[in-house]
Amino acid sequence: MDLPKDAVMLLSVVNMKLRDFYPSLEAFCEAAEIGVEELKEKMAAIDYEYDRDANQFV
C-alpha cells in the first residue's frame, strides 16, 4: 500500500483506514507493510499517539 509521505496526510489516511477497515493498528500495519513502531514514531513527530481503545491516533 502506498502511504503519503506528508505526516498530516498520513495521519488522515491511517485514521480513516483504522476506522473503516482494520480492527487494530497491527492489522493495518501488516496490510500496509509498515512497522508498527515506525508508524508510531512518524505520528509522534506530529504529537499524535495511538489510542488502542479508540483505534485511532489522537
Protein backbone atom coordinates (compact mmCIF):
# COMPACT_ATOMS: atom_id res chain seq x y z
CA MET A 1 0.00 0.00 0.00
CA ASP A 2 1.37 3.42 -0.92
CA LEU A 3 1.16 5.76 2.04
CA PRO A 4 1.54 9.55 1.93
CA LYS A 5 4.97 10.95 2.83
CA ASP A 6 3.47 14.05 4.49
CA ALA A 7 2.83 13.25 8.16
CA VAL A 8 -0.51 15.10 8.38
CA MET A 9 -1.83 13.39 5.26
CA LEU A 10 -0.54 10.08 6.62
CA LEU A 11 -2.44 10.69 9.86
CA SER A 12 -5.66 11.29 7.94
CA VAL A 13 -5.28 8.16 5.80
CA VAL A 14 -4.28 5.93 8.72
CA ASN A 15 -7.16 7.06 10.95
CA MET A 16 -9.66 6.61 8.11
CA LYS A 17 -8.35 3.11 7.36
CA LEU A 18 -8.39 2.18 11.06
CA ARG A 19 -11.94 3.48 11.43
CA ASP A 20 -13.35 1.86 8.28
CA PHE A 21 -11.32 -1.28 7.57
CA TYR A 22 -9.00 -2.51 10.33
CA PRO A 23 -9.74 -3.69 13.89
CA SER A 24 -6.26 -2.81 15.17
CA LEU A 25 -3.09 -0.91 14.39
CA GLU A 26 -1.26 -4.20 13.99
CA ALA A 27 -3.72 -5.39 11.32
CA PHE A 28 -3.38 -2.13 9.42
CA CYS A 29 0.42 -2.16 9.58
CA GLU A 30 0.56 -5.74 8.35
CA ALA A 31 -1.64 -4.89 5.36
CA ALA A 32 0.26 -1.66 4.66
CA GLU A 33 3.62 -3.38 5.07
CA ILE A 34 4.89 -0.83 7.59
CA GLY A 35 6.28 -1.49 11.03
CA VAL A 36 4.08 -0.59 13.99
CA GLU A 37 6.91 1.24 15.75
CA GLU A 38 7.87 3.07 12.55
CA LEU A 39 4.32 4.36 12.15
CA LYS A 40 4.08 5.31 15.84
CA GLU A 41 7.34 7.28 15.51
CA LYS A 42 6.04 9.16 12.46
CA MET A 43 2.87 10.08 14.31
CA ALA A 44 4.76 11.04 17.46
CA ALA A 45 6.73 13.53 15.35
CA ILE A 46 3.47 15.50 14.92
CA ASP A 47 2.38 14.91 18.54
CA TYR A 48 -0.08 12.06 17.96
CA GLU A 49 -0.12 8.73 19.75
CA TYR A 50 -2.14 5.58 19.21
CA ASP A 51 -5.17 5.11 21.44
CA ARG A 52 -5.97 1.38 21.44
CA ASP A 53 -9.49 1.89 22.85
CA ALA A 54 -10.43 4.35 20.10
CA ASN A 55 -8.32 2.51 17.48
CA GLN A 56 -7.14 5.92 16.29
CA PHE A 57 -4.17 8.26 16.57
CA VAL A 58 -5.18 11.11 18.86
